Amino acid sequence: METGSSSSSPFQKTTPITPVEYTIGNLPRHRVYRQDPATEPEMVRPIGIRMPIEAPIKLQDGGDRASGRFAYDGQSINCHDEGVLYIKAKVDSQFCDFLTNAQKDIDLALSFYPKIDRSVSNLSITPLVVVQVTLFACGKGLALSVSSEHTVIDGFTSLKFVYEWSKVSKMGINIHSDKINCFTFDDFGTIFLPTSENHLLTRVKSPRDDHYHDFAEMVARRFVINQSTISKLRENVGVVYFRPSRVELVIAFLWRVLINVYQCKSNGRLRPCLLSVPVNLRDKIDFPRYENSFGNFAIEVPVKFIPGET
C-alpha cells in the first residue's frame, strides 16, 4: 500500500511558537468540505477551517489559535488550513477481490483505517480528525475511513460525512448538488464558547486502558440485520407504552445477549451492569437550524440493569 498526505494551504506550513503560546488552550476547529477541482472529479477533500492563519501574531493574541496543531517536534505549529489530516493511499488489488476476501477475513478492512497514535502522551500533536481515502487498482472503487476525537465530532457527524461523500462519488457534486446535504456551520461562536481550560487535551478513560487485560489495538466486526428481522423482533416485543425504534431494538437485543453471556460466566448469577447510550440532540432541541450542524451534539445517557429491580 502506498500512502501520502496532501495540503492545499497557501499559507506557511509551520509557525514558530513562543512561551506565551504554550499557555493558550485549544478551541474546537470548524471545517468545510467541498470538491477540489485539482484532484479527481469524483473525489471530495477537506479544504478549510473558516479561520486560516494569516499572520503569526494572531497566535499570540488568541484570535486564531484554533487553526493549527503542534508539530511532532513540539517546537512549531502546523498551519493546516484544511483542519483535517488527509491521507490518500493506493492498493494493488481490485475492489471486487477485496470484497471476496473480506467475507472470509473481516480484519482485512483494518488495512484501510488510518494508523494514528492517540496515546495520552502526544494528544497535543495528534490531529483531531483524520480522513483516509484508499483507491483500488484500475480506478474502480475506493475505501473511505474517518478517525476522530469525540471532543469535536459525534457519531452522527462522522456517519453523515461518509454517507454524503459516497453520494458525491456516485452522482457528482455539480449535477445533483441539491441532493447533497452538507453540514452547516452557523453560529459556532455561540455553540462552542472559548474556555480557559485546555479541554482538548483531556480524554475519558477507556475500558481498554485497563492494564490487567490485553486488548487488540483495533477490532473489526460485521453485523448484518435486515429490515424483516427487525420487524419480527418488534412484533415479539408485544404491547408497550412506547414504540421502540430500530436502533433501540438492536441495542436492547445486543445488551440482553451480553447480559446472558456474563450470566453463563458467573455460574447463573446475574450481574448489575451499566449501558451508556449516545443520543443525538439535533432533533431534540428547540433550534431547527442546528439539526444539520457539524460538531458534537450528543450526550451519553446511562441505562442501568440491576437484577431483581429493573
Protein backbone atom coordinates (compact mmCIF):
# COMPACT_ATOMS: atom_id res chain seq x y z
CA MET A 1 0.00 0.00 0.00
CA GLU A 2 1.30 3.41 -0.97
CA THR A 3 0.30 6.31 1.24
CA GLY A 4 0.74 10.05 1.17
CA SER A 5 -0.75 13.19 2.63
CA SER A 6 -1.63 16.43 0.94
CA SER A 7 -2.35 20.01 1.91
CA SER A 8 -3.94 22.85 -0.03
CA SER A 9 -2.68 25.53 2.30
CA PRO A 10 -1.42 28.71 0.57
CA PHE A 11 -0.02 29.86 3.91
CA GLN A 12 3.23 28.96 5.55
CA LYS A 13 3.40 25.36 6.74
CA THR A 14 4.77 25.94 10.21
CA THR A 15 4.90 28.82 12.65
CA PRO A 16 7.45 29.01 15.49
CA ILE A 17 5.85 29.20 18.91
CA THR A 18 6.79 31.36 21.86
CA PRO A 19 6.45 30.70 25.61
CA VAL A 20 3.25 32.74 25.52
CA GLU A 21 1.64 30.34 23.09
CA TYR A 22 2.30 27.33 25.29
CA THR A 23 -0.28 28.66 27.75
CA ILE A 24 -3.07 29.16 25.21
CA GLY A 25 -5.72 26.45 25.14
CA ASN A 26 -7.22 24.90 22.04
CA LEU A 27 -10.67 25.52 20.60
CA PRO A 28 -12.94 23.25 18.53
CA ARG A 29 -11.99 23.62 14.89
CA HIS A 30 -14.57 24.35 12.23
CA ARG A 31 -14.34 22.57 8.91
CA VAL A 32 -15.83 22.95 5.45
CA TYR A 33 -15.84 20.18 2.84
CA ARG A 34 -16.12 20.78 -0.87
CA GLN A 35 -14.83 19.41 -4.13
CA ASP A 36 -11.25 20.16 -5.09
CA PRO A 37 -11.01 20.55 -8.90
CA ALA A 38 -7.27 19.86 -8.75
CA THR A 39 -7.97 16.23 -7.79
CA GLU A 40 -10.16 13.55 -9.31
CA PRO A 41 -13.62 14.90 -10.27
CA GLU A 42 -15.37 12.26 -8.18
CA MET A 43 -13.39 12.92 -5.04
CA VAL A 44 -14.10 15.32 -2.22
CA ARG A 45 -11.36 16.51 0.07
CA PRO A 46 -11.36 18.61 3.24
CA ILE A 47 -10.21 22.10 2.34
CA GLY A 48 -10.60 24.54 5.12
CA ILE A 49 -11.17 25.94 8.51
CA ARG A 50 -13.05 29.16 8.16
CA MET A 51 -10.30 30.95 10.05
CA PRO A 52 -7.00 30.40 8.17
CA ILE A 53 -3.79 31.58 9.81
CA GLU A 54 -2.84 34.86 8.16
CA ALA A 55 -0.10 36.02 10.50
CA PRO A 56 1.87 34.51 13.38
CA ILE A 57 0.88 37.42 15.60
CA LYS A 58 -2.70 36.12 15.72
CA LEU A 59 -1.50 33.08 17.59
CA GLN A 60 -0.24 35.21 20.43
CA ASP A 61 -3.41 37.22 20.99
CA GLY A 62 -5.60 34.12 20.74
CA GLY A 63 -7.54 35.36 17.71
CA ASP A 64 -6.80 32.37 15.51
CA ARG A 65 -5.05 29.74 17.56
CA ALA A 66 -7.53 27.01 16.60
CA SER A 67 -6.20 26.85 13.05
CA GLY A 68 -3.21 24.66 13.79
CA ARG A 69 -1.81 21.89 15.94
CA PHE A 70 1.57 21.33 17.49
CA ALA A 71 4.10 19.75 15.14
CA TYR A 72 5.72 16.47 16.10
CA ASP A 73 8.87 18.28 17.21
CA GLY A 74 6.83 20.28 19.74
CA GLN A 75 8.61 23.48 18.70
CA SER A 76 6.30 24.76 15.97
CA ILE A 77 2.67 24.79 14.90
CA ASN A 78 1.45 23.15 11.72
CA CYS A 79 -0.75 25.67 9.94
CA HIS A 80 -3.26 23.27 8.39
CA ASP A 81 -5.90 25.46 6.85
CA GLU A 82 -7.82 22.32 5.96
CA GLY A 83 -8.06 21.39 9.62
CA VAL A 84 -8.07 17.68 8.85
CA LEU A 85 -5.20 15.32 8.14
CA TYR A 86 -5.97 13.92 4.68
CA ILE A 87 -4.30 10.65 3.66
CA LYS A 88 -4.53 9.24 0.16
CA ALA A 89 -3.45 5.64 -0.34
CA LYS A 90 -3.39 3.13 -3.20
CA VAL A 91 -3.56 -0.66 -3.19
CA ASP A 92 -2.73 -3.14 -5.94
CA SER A 93 -5.84 -5.30 -5.52
CA GLN A 94 -9.22 -4.59 -7.06
CA PHE A 95 -12.32 -3.74 -5.11
CA CYS A 96 -14.17 -6.93 -6.05
CA ASP A 97 -11.21 -9.02 -4.84
CA PHE A 98 -11.25 -7.22 -1.52
CA LEU A 99 -14.97 -7.87 -1.02
CA THR A 100 -14.46 -11.56 -1.74
CA ASN A 101 -11.55 -11.88 0.68
CA ALA A 102 -13.23 -9.74 3.35
CA GLN A 103 -16.10 -12.21 3.51
CA LYS A 104 -13.58 -14.72 4.83
CA ASP A 105 -11.43 -12.35 6.90
CA ILE A 106 -13.10 -9.13 8.05
CA ASP A 107 -9.83 -7.98 9.63
CA LEU A 108 -8.68 -7.01 6.12
CA ALA A 109 -10.84 -3.90 6.49
CA LEU A 110 -8.47 -2.63 9.18
CA SER A 111 -5.85 -2.01 6.48
CA PHE A 112 -7.89 0.94 5.26
CA TYR A 113 -8.13 2.60 8.68
CA PRO A 114 -5.71 5.50 9.34
CA LYS A 115 -3.00 4.45 11.76
CA ILE A 116 -2.84 7.32 14.26
CA ASP A 117 -1.22 7.09 17.68
CA ARG A 118 -3.74 8.64 20.07
CA SER A 119 -1.90 7.96 23.30
CA VAL A 120 -2.22 10.47 26.13
CA SER A 121 1.44 11.46 25.80
CA ASN A 122 1.01 13.03 22.35
CA LEU A 123 -2.53 14.43 22.33
CA SER A 124 -1.27 17.95 21.65
CA ILE A 125 0.21 16.89 18.30
CA THR A 126 -2.46 14.38 17.29
CA PRO A 127 -4.93 15.51 14.60
CA LEU A 128 -8.47 15.65 15.91
CA VAL A 129 -9.85 14.28 12.64
CA VAL A 130 -8.10 12.07 10.08
CA VAL A 131 -9.60 11.13 6.72
CA GLN A 132 -8.06 8.35 4.63
CA VAL A 133 -9.13 7.58 1.07
CA THR A 134 -7.79 4.33 -0.39
CA LEU A 135 -8.01 3.84 -4.15
CA PHE A 136 -8.18 0.34 -5.59
CA ALA A 137 -6.44 -0.85 -8.75
CA CYS A 138 -7.87 0.13 -12.14
CA GLY A 139 -9.61 3.11 -10.57
CA LYS A 140 -12.68 1.09 -9.60
CA GLY A 141 -13.87 1.71 -6.08
CA LEU A 142 -12.46 3.46 -3.05
CA ALA A 143 -12.49 2.97 0.70
CA LEU A 144 -13.19 5.95 2.96
CA SER A 145 -12.19 5.88 6.63
CA VAL A 146 -12.56 8.56 9.29
CA SER A 147 -10.77 8.66 12.64
CA SER A 148 -11.82 11.41 15.02
CA GLU A 149 -11.92 12.57 18.62
CA HIS A 150 -15.33 12.90 20.27
CA THR A 151 -14.22 16.28 21.56
CA VAL A 152 -15.20 17.89 18.26
CA ILE A 153 -17.25 15.31 16.37
CA ASP A 154 -20.03 12.87 17.21
CA GLY A 155 -21.18 9.66 15.57
CA PHE A 156 -23.90 11.39 13.55
CA THR A 157 -21.39 13.80 12.03
CA SER A 158 -18.96 11.02 11.16
CA LEU A 159 -21.57 8.76 9.56
CA LYS A 160 -23.21 11.61 7.67
CA PHE A 161 -19.84 12.72 6.35
CA VAL A 162 -19.16 9.25 4.93
CA TYR A 163 -22.71 8.97 3.56
CA GLU A 164 -22.63 12.34 1.77
CA TRP A 165 -19.13 11.68 0.41
CA SER A 166 -20.38 8.40 -1.10
CA LYS A 167 -23.26 10.26 -2.77
CA VAL A 168 -20.85 12.79 -4.26
CA SER A 169 -18.61 10.00 -5.57
CA LYS A 170 -21.62 8.30 -7.14
CA MET A 171 -23.57 11.25 -8.56
CA GLY A 172 -21.10 14.13 -8.75
CA ILE A 173 -21.45 17.42 -6.94
CA ASN A 174 -22.41 19.71 -9.82
CA ILE A 175 -25.32 17.88 -11.44
CA HIS A 176 -27.04 16.68 -8.27
CA SER A 177 -25.90 19.33 -5.82
CA ASP A 178 -29.45 19.69 -4.48
CA LYS A 179 -29.29 16.10 -3.20
CA ILE A 180 -26.05 16.64 -1.28
CA ASN A 181 -26.91 17.62 2.29
CA CYS A 182 -23.80 19.40 3.51
CA PHE A 183 -23.19 20.39 7.09
CA THR A 184 -23.97 23.85 8.34
CA PHE A 185 -21.52 25.95 10.35
CA ASP A 186 -23.88 28.56 11.82
CA ASP A 187 -23.10 30.48 14.98
CA PHE A 188 -20.20 28.33 16.13
CA GLY A 189 -19.12 31.17 18.37
CA THR A 190 -22.29 30.74 20.44
CA ILE A 191 -22.21 26.94 20.42
CA PHE A 192 -18.55 26.35 21.27
CA LEU A 193 -17.58 29.19 23.56
CA PRO A 194 -13.88 29.80 24.31
CA THR A 195 -12.70 28.40 27.62
CA SER A 196 -9.62 28.85 29.72
CA GLU A 197 -9.27 25.10 30.21
CA ASN A 198 -7.32 23.02 27.76
CA HIS A 199 -10.19 20.59 27.35
CA LEU A 200 -8.94 19.18 24.06
CA LEU A 201 -6.03 17.58 25.89
CA THR A 202 -8.23 15.58 28.25
CA ARG A 203 -9.85 12.29 27.45
CA VAL A 204 -12.41 10.00 29.01
CA LYS A 205 -10.63 6.88 30.21
CA SER A 206 -11.48 3.93 28.01
CA PRO A 207 -12.08 0.43 29.40
CA ARG A 208 -9.26 -0.62 27.08
CA ASP A 209 -6.86 1.28 29.32
CA ASP A 210 -7.23 -1.50 31.89
CA HIS A 211 -3.68 -2.82 32.28
CA TYR A 212 -4.98 -6.13 33.66
CA HIS A 213 -6.33 -7.15 30.26
CA ASP A 214 -4.79 -7.24 26.81
CA PHE A 215 -6.93 -5.70 24.10
CA ALA A 216 -6.26 -5.60 20.40
CA GLU A 217 -5.48 -2.14 19.05
CA MET A 218 -8.36 -2.37 16.55
CA VAL A 219 -11.13 -4.93 16.19
CA ALA A 220 -13.24 -5.48 13.08
CA ARG A 221 -16.79 -6.80 13.39
CA ARG A 222 -19.61 -7.15 10.88
CA PHE A 223 -23.26 -7.07 11.94
CA VAL A 224 -25.98 -7.51 9.31
CA ILE A 225 -29.60 -7.14 10.45
CA ASN A 226 -32.14 -6.74 7.66
CA GLN A 227 -35.44 -4.90 7.88
CA SER A 228 -37.64 -8.01 8.03
CA THR A 229 -35.68 -9.32 11.01
CA ILE A 230 -36.14 -6.06 12.88
CA SER A 231 -39.87 -6.11 12.10
CA LYS A 232 -40.19 -9.62 13.54
CA LEU A 233 -38.24 -8.54 16.60
CA ARG A 234 -40.62 -5.62 17.10
CA GLU A 235 -43.62 -7.97 16.90
CA ASN A 236 -42.11 -10.17 19.60
CA VAL A 237 -41.77 -7.18 21.92
CA GLY A 238 -45.53 -7.10 22.36
CA VAL A 239 -47.56 -4.17 23.67
CA VAL A 240 -45.53 -1.48 25.37
CA TYR A 241 -46.27 2.12 26.30
CA PHE A 242 -43.98 3.39 23.54
CA ARG A 243 -42.95 2.23 20.10
CA PRO A 244 -39.22 1.44 20.16
CA SER A 245 -37.11 2.49 17.20
CA ARG A 246 -34.99 0.09 15.19
CA VAL A 247 -31.86 1.34 16.91
CA GLU A 248 -33.41 0.83 20.34
CA LEU A 249 -34.41 -2.71 19.42
CA VAL A 250 -30.95 -3.64 18.21
CA ILE A 251 -29.27 -2.07 21.26
CA ALA A 252 -31.64 -3.87 23.64
CA PHE A 253 -31.10 -7.17 21.82
CA LEU A 254 -27.31 -6.93 21.94
CA TRP A 255 -27.37 -5.82 25.58
CA ARG A 256 -29.56 -8.79 26.52
CA VAL A 257 -27.16 -11.15 24.78
CA LEU A 258 -24.25 -9.59 26.69
CA ILE A 259 -26.11 -9.99 30.00
CA ASN A 260 -26.76 -13.66 29.22
CA VAL A 261 -23.10 -14.19 28.37
CA TYR A 262 -21.98 -12.80 31.73
CA GLN A 263 -24.65 -14.89 33.44
CA CYS A 264 -23.14 -18.04 31.94
CA LYS A 265 -19.67 -16.96 33.02
CA SER A 266 -20.91 -16.29 36.58
CA ASN A 267 -22.49 -19.72 37.12
CA GLY A 268 -26.02 -18.47 36.52
CA ARG A 269 -25.73 -15.32 38.62
CA LEU A 270 -26.92 -12.10 37.02
CA ARG A 271 -24.57 -9.18 37.39
CA PRO A 272 -25.51 -5.49 37.61
CA CYS A 273 -24.37 -3.58 34.56
CA LEU A 274 -24.49 -0.08 33.14
CA LEU A 275 -25.03 0.79 29.49
CA SER A 276 -24.06 4.20 28.13
CA VAL A 277 -26.10 5.15 25.06
CA PRO A 278 -25.10 8.15 22.90
CA VAL A 279 -28.11 10.30 21.98
CA ASN A 280 -28.13 12.73 19.07
CA LEU A 281 -29.58 16.05 20.25
CA ARG A 282 -30.09 17.69 16.85
CA ASP A 283 -33.74 16.70 16.51
CA LYS A 284 -34.44 17.13 20.22
CA ILE A 285 -33.58 20.81 20.71
CA ASP A 286 -35.62 23.94 20.02
CA PHE A 287 -33.22 25.25 17.38
CA PRO A 288 -34.09 23.71 13.99
CA ARG A 289 -31.14 25.45 12.37
CA TYR A 290 -28.81 23.14 14.28
CA GLU A 291 -30.40 19.90 13.05
CA ASN A 292 -27.73 19.59 10.37
CA SER A 293 -24.84 21.23 12.21
CA PHE A 294 -21.31 19.93 12.19
CA GLY A 295 -19.85 19.21 15.60
CA ASN A 296 -20.61 17.27 18.74
CA PHE A 297 -24.30 17.50 19.64
CA ALA A 298 -24.59 14.27 21.58
CA ILE A 299 -24.82 13.27 25.22
CA GLU A 300 -24.28 9.97 26.97
CA VAL A 301 -27.42 8.58 28.64
CA PRO A 302 -26.73 5.88 31.26
CA VAL A 303 -29.08 2.89 31.48
CA LYS A 304 -28.65 0.54 34.42
CA PHE A 305 -29.68 -3.06 34.93
CA ILE A 306 -29.94 -4.36 38.50
CA PRO A 307 -31.12 -7.96 38.93
CA GLY A 308 -34.43 -8.11 40.76
CA GLU A 309 -35.09 -4.39 40.39
CA THR A 310 -35.02 -3.48 36.69
